[in-house]
Each structure stands twice: as C-alpha cells, then as structure tokens.
C-alpha cells in the first residue's frame, strides 16, 4: 500500500481541479512508464463526461504536441493504472486509467454498483500490480 500524500506530479490547467487531483493521486503508484505518462497528462483535455449512479467516465481528447505512448512502456492498449479506494462502511471505489496510444479515459465506479463513489478520501488506497496479478 502506498501512503504518500499531497504529491503533485503534474499540473494541467485544462482539467478541473478534482480530475487533476485524482490523476495525481493515481501517480503515487510507481511503474516503468510513469514519467512518459506524466508528459501526456500535462497536455490532455476532457472530451466528455458521463455520470451515472455509482459510475463516472471521463473521456480525454488525443493530446496535441506529443508522441504516442511508447510500446516499450505501454505494450498494448489497456489499463495503465488500477487504483482501489477503500472507505469504512461503503464498498470500494475503483479508478481505472486507460490508454489507446494516448491517455484515453478515466473510469470510476463503485465495485458493488451502489450509488456511492469515494472522490475525496484517499487515506486507504491500493494499486493493482499487473506483473503479480494482485492489489498491493
């Protein structure tokens, strides 16, 4: 479990402060392509937002002025970061950041499809380790 707080890995004034904050929290997880991902996050803009009960999808526009994410660090279009947020008395909220050559979307959902999303308290989080197939 990673417990660093108040980390700001990037600033992007095109993003709403809450989205920028969530992405910065997700970047607490250290992985091979993090620096490359940060360079993309500095340039992304929101294309659309879909909100439903216990679910949010934020789609990003393809960033201009940057190259595609490298195949070395991001070998296939997939989930880049998987973060689980635990809250006392509620089911977990899952944050998934996807790429498709570029950062493509952020999906946030309640794992039990309940009407609750934890969007403020990040004291108890775990990241999915894709190499070891487990949350840590």
C-alpha atoms as a PDB file:
ATOM      1  CA  UNK A   1       0.000   0.000   0.000  1.00  0.00           C
ATOM      2  CA  UNK A   2       1.309   3.427  -0.917  1.00  0.00           C
ATOM      3  CA  UNK A   3       0.713   6.142   1.673  1.00  0.00           C
ATOM      4  CA  UNK A   4       2.427   9.224   0.206  1.00  0.00           C
ATOM      5  CA  UNK A   5       0.237  12.322   0.424  1.00  0.00           C
ATOM      6  CA  UNK A   6      -0.008  15.696  -1.283  1.00  0.00           C
ATOM      7  CA  UNK A   7       2.034  14.585  -4.279  1.00  0.00           C
ATOM      8  CA  UNK A   8       1.697  16.729  -7.341  1.00  0.00           C
ATOM      9  CA  UNK A   9       3.343  15.062 -10.285  1.00  0.00           C
ATOM     10  CA  UNK A  10       1.869  17.361 -12.920  1.00  0.00           C
ATOM     11  CA  UNK A  11      -0.228  20.484 -13.419  1.00  0.00           C
ATOM     12  CA  UNK A  12      -2.776  20.803 -16.196  1.00  0.00           C
ATOM     13  CA  UNK A  13      -4.935  23.931 -16.031  1.00  0.00           C
ATOM     14  CA  UNK A  14      -7.209  22.478 -18.746  1.00  0.00           C
ATOM     15  CA  UNK A  15      -8.515  19.895 -16.294  1.00  0.00           C
ATOM     16  CA  UNK A  16     -10.989  20.532 -13.498  1.00  0.00           C
ATOM     17  CA  UNK A  17      -9.138  20.538 -10.142  1.00  0.00           C
ATOM     18  CA  UNK A  18     -10.823  17.344  -8.956  1.00  0.00           C
ATOM     19  CA  UNK A  19      -9.781  15.372 -12.064  1.00  0.00           C
ATOM     20  CA  UNK A  20      -6.231  16.721 -11.852  1.00  0.00           C
ATOM     21  CA  UNK A  21      -6.133  15.700  -8.175  1.00  0.00           C
ATOM     22  CA  UNK A  22      -7.397  12.159  -8.856  1.00  0.00           C
ATOM     23  CA  UNK A  23      -4.806  11.628 -11.590  1.00  0.00           C
ATOM     24  CA  UNK A  24      -2.018  12.944  -9.352  1.00  0.00           C
ATOM     25  CA  UNK A  25      -3.110  10.541  -6.618  1.00  0.00           C
ATOM     26  CA  UNK A  26      -3.057   7.677  -9.105  1.00  0.00           C
ATOM     27  CA  UNK A  27       0.528   8.626  -9.986  1.00  0.00           C
ATOM     28  CA  UNK A  28       1.661   7.680  -6.490  1.00  0.00           C
ATOM     29  CA  UNK A  29       1.979   4.222  -7.991  1.00  0.00           C
ATOM     30  CA  UNK A  30       5.469   3.750  -9.384  1.00  0.00           C
ATOM     31  CA  UNK A  31       5.741   1.913 -12.687  1.00  0.00           C
ATOM     32  CA  UNK A  32       8.064   1.852 -15.673  1.00  0.00           C
ATOM     33  CA  UNK A  33       6.235   4.373 -17.873  1.00  0.00           C
ATOM     34  CA  UNK A  34       5.178   6.873 -15.222  1.00  0.00           C
ATOM     35  CA  UNK A  35       7.362   9.767 -16.481  1.00  0.00           C
ATOM     36  CA  UNK A  36       6.140   9.245 -20.026  1.00  0.00           C
ATOM     37  CA  UNK A  37       2.545   9.135 -18.817  1.00  0.00           C
ATOM     38  CA  UNK A  38       3.040  12.370 -16.872  1.00  0.00           C
ATOM     39  CA  UNK A  39       4.150  14.153 -20.068  1.00  0.00           C
ATOM     40  CA  UNK A  40       0.817  13.151 -21.647  1.00  0.00           C
ATOM     41  CA  UNK A  41      -1.247  14.111 -18.604  1.00  0.00           C
ATOM     42  CA  UNK A  42       0.180  17.633 -18.748  1.00  0.00           C
ATOM     43  CA  UNK A  43      -1.436  18.062 -22.182  1.00  0.00           C
ATOM     44  CA  UNK A  44      -4.753  16.216 -22.053  1.00  0.00           C
ATOM     45  CA  UNK A  45      -8.148  17.865 -22.226  1.00  0.00           C
ATOM     46  CA  UNK A  46     -11.538  16.431 -21.437  1.00  0.00           C
ATOM     47  CA  UNK A  47     -13.688  15.404 -24.375  1.00  0.00           C
ATOM     48  CA  UNK A  48     -16.765  14.281 -22.432  1.00  0.00           C
ATOM     49  CA  UNK A  49     -18.004  13.175 -19.024  1.00  0.00           C
ATOM     50  CA  UNK A  50     -20.650  10.545 -18.395  1.00  0.00           C
ATOM     51  CA  UNK A  51     -22.146  10.327 -14.905  1.00  0.00           C
ATOM     52  CA  UNK A  52     -24.493   7.641 -13.709  1.00  0.00           C
ATOM     53  CA  UNK A  53     -25.362   6.257 -10.302  1.00  0.00           C
ATOM     54  CA  UNK A  54     -22.134   4.864  -8.827  1.00  0.00           C
ATOM     55  CA  UNK A  55     -20.244   5.446 -12.090  1.00  0.00           C
ATOM     56  CA  UNK A  56     -18.291   8.161 -13.888  1.00  0.00           C
ATOM     57  CA  UNK A  57     -16.456   8.045 -17.211  1.00  0.00           C
ATOM     58  CA  UNK A  58     -14.154  10.869 -18.275  1.00  0.00           C
ATOM     59  CA  UNK A  59     -13.018  10.660 -21.897  1.00  0.00           C
ATOM     60  CA  UNK A  60      -9.961  12.614 -22.973  1.00  0.00           C
ATOM     61  CA  UNK A  61      -9.097  14.158 -26.319  1.00  0.00           C
ATOM     62  CA  UNK A  62      -5.950  12.990 -28.045  1.00  0.00           C
ATOM     63  CA  UNK A  63      -3.236  15.374 -26.798  1.00  0.00           C
ATOM     64  CA  UNK A  64      -1.598  17.567 -29.405  1.00  0.00           C
ATOM     65  CA  UNK A  65       2.125  18.113 -29.382  1.00  0.00           C
ATOM     66  CA  UNK A  66       3.180  14.734 -28.054  1.00  0.00           C
ATOM     67  CA  UNK A  67       4.051  11.352 -29.484  1.00  0.00           C
ATOM     68  CA  UNK A  68       2.075   8.178 -28.871  1.00  0.00           C
ATOM     69  CA  UNK A  69       2.852   6.311 -25.676  1.00  0.00           C
ATOM     70  CA  UNK A  70       5.800   4.025 -26.367  1.00  0.00           C
ATOM     71  CA  UNK A  71       5.343   0.332 -26.995  1.00  0.00           C
ATOM     72  CA  UNK A  72       8.254  -0.292 -24.621  1.00  0.00           C
ATOM     73  CA  UNK A  73       6.402   1.167 -21.620  1.00  0.00           C
ATOM     74  CA  UNK A  74       2.836   0.532 -22.789  1.00  0.00           C
ATOM     75  CA  UNK A  75       2.887  -2.613 -24.960  1.00  0.00           C
ATOM     76  CA  UNK A  76      -0.850  -2.736 -25.662  1.00  0.00           C
ATOM     77  CA  UNK A  77      -3.966  -0.637 -25.343  1.00  0.00           C
ATOM     78  CA  UNK A  78      -5.001  -1.414 -21.819  1.00  0.00           C
ATOM     79  CA  UNK A  79      -5.356  -0.175 -18.292  1.00  0.00           C
ATOM     80  CA  UNK A  80      -2.339   1.875 -17.217  1.00  0.00           C
ATOM     81  CA  UNK A  81      -3.216   2.350 -13.536  1.00  0.00           C
ATOM     82  CA  UNK A  82      -5.803   0.496 -11.453  1.00  0.00           C
ATOM     83  CA  UNK A  83      -6.417   2.107  -8.062  1.00  0.00           C
ATOM     84  CA  UNK A  84      -8.864   0.817  -5.440  1.00  0.00           C
ATOM     85  CA  UNK A  85     -10.087   3.245  -2.760  1.00  0.00           C
ATOM     86  CA  UNK A  86     -11.427   1.772   0.469  1.00  0.00           C
ATOM     87  CA  UNK A  87     -13.913   3.618   2.675  1.00  0.00           C
ATOM     88  CA  UNK A  88     -15.279   2.474   6.017  1.00  0.00           C
ATOM     89  CA  UNK A  89     -18.897   1.424   5.718  1.00  0.00           C
ATOM     90  CA  UNK A  90     -19.003   1.586   1.911  1.00  0.00           C
ATOM     91  CA  UNK A  91     -17.987  -0.643  -0.964  1.00  0.00           C
ATOM     92  CA  UNK A  92     -14.726   0.175  -2.718  1.00  0.00           C
ATOM     93  CA  UNK A  93     -14.399   2.732  -5.489  1.00  0.00           C
ATOM     94  CA  UNK A  94     -12.248   1.653  -8.420  1.00  0.00           C
ATOM     95  CA  UNK A  95     -10.301   4.170 -10.550  1.00  0.00           C
ATOM     96  CA  UNK A  96      -9.038   2.873 -13.906  1.00  0.00           C
ATOM     97  CA  UNK A  97      -6.861   4.939 -16.255  1.00  0.00           C
ATOM     98  CA  UNK A  98      -6.785   3.625 -19.836  1.00  0.00           C
ATOM     99  CA  UNK A  99      -4.534   4.242 -22.792  1.00  0.00           C
ATOM    100  CA  UNK A 100      -5.031   3.730 -26.503  1.00  0.00           C
ATOM    101  CA  UNK A 101      -1.776   5.165 -27.885  1.00  0.00           C
ATOM    102  CA  UNK A 102      -2.609   8.180 -25.689  1.00  0.00           C
ATOM    103  CA  UNK A 103      -4.346   8.572 -22.332  1.00  0.00           C
ATOM    104  CA  UNK A 104      -7.910   7.859 -23.402  1.00  0.00           C
ATOM    105  CA  UNK A 105     -10.207   7.724 -20.372  1.00  0.00           C
ATOM    106  CA  UNK A 106     -10.619   7.575 -16.616  1.00  0.00           C
ATOM    107  CA  UNK A 107     -13.320   5.235 -15.361  1.00  0.00           C
ATOM    108  CA  UNK A 108     -14.526   5.483 -11.755  1.00  0.00           C
ATOM    109  CA  UNK A 109     -17.094   3.109 -10.333  1.00  0.00           C
ATOM    110  CA  UNK A 110     -18.438   1.546  -7.164  1.00  0.00           C
ATOM    111  CA  UNK A 111     -17.487  -2.156  -7.213  1.00  0.00           C
ATOM    112  CA  UNK A 112     -20.938  -3.149  -5.899  1.00  0.00           C
ATOM    113  CA  UNK A 113     -22.789  -0.806  -8.312  1.00  0.00           C
ATOM    114  CA  UNK A 114     -24.055   1.215  -5.379  1.00  0.00           C
ATOM    115  CA  UNK A 115     -24.800   4.940  -5.537  1.00  0.00           C
ATOM    116  CA  UNK A 116     -21.585   5.854  -3.706  1.00  0.00           C
ATOM    117  CA  UNK A 117     -18.249   6.996  -5.135  1.00  0.00           C
ATOM    118  CA  UNK A 118     -15.325   7.882  -2.872  1.00  0.00           C
ATOM    119  CA  UNK A 119     -13.933  11.002  -4.523  1.00  0.00           C
ATOM    120  CA  UNK A 120     -12.429  12.835  -1.553  1.00  0.00           C
ATOM    121  CA  UNK A 121     -10.793  10.493   0.983  1.00  0.00           C
ATOM    122  CA  UNK A 122      -7.676   8.734  -0.290  1.00  0.00           C
ATOM    123  CA  UNK A 123      -6.239   7.559   3.018  1.00  0.00           C
ATOM    124  CA  UNK A 124      -6.693   3.869   2.232  1.00  0.00           C
ATOM    125  CA  UNK A 125      -5.771   3.000  -1.343  1.00  0.00           C
ATOM    126  CA  UNK A 126      -4.223   0.057  -3.120  1.00  0.00           C
ATOM    127  CA  UNK A 127      -2.830  -0.270  -6.618  1.00  0.00           C
ATOM    128  CA  UNK A 128      -3.070  -3.300  -8.847  1.00  0.00           C
ATOM    129  CA  UNK A 129       0.298  -4.820  -9.697  1.00  0.00           C
ATOM    130  CA  UNK A 130      -0.192  -6.230 -13.195  1.00  0.00           C
ATOM    131  CA  UNK A 131       3.088  -8.187 -13.015  1.00  0.00           C
ATOM    132  CA  UNK A 132       1.987 -10.048  -9.903  1.00  0.00           C
ATOM    133  CA  UNK A 133      -1.788 -10.010 -10.546  1.00  0.00           C
ATOM    134  CA  UNK A 134      -2.705  -8.575  -7.151  1.00  0.00           C
ATOM    135  CA  UNK A 135      -3.526  -5.362  -5.316  1.00  0.00           C
ATOM    136  CA  UNK A 136      -0.809  -4.012  -3.041  1.00  0.00           C
END
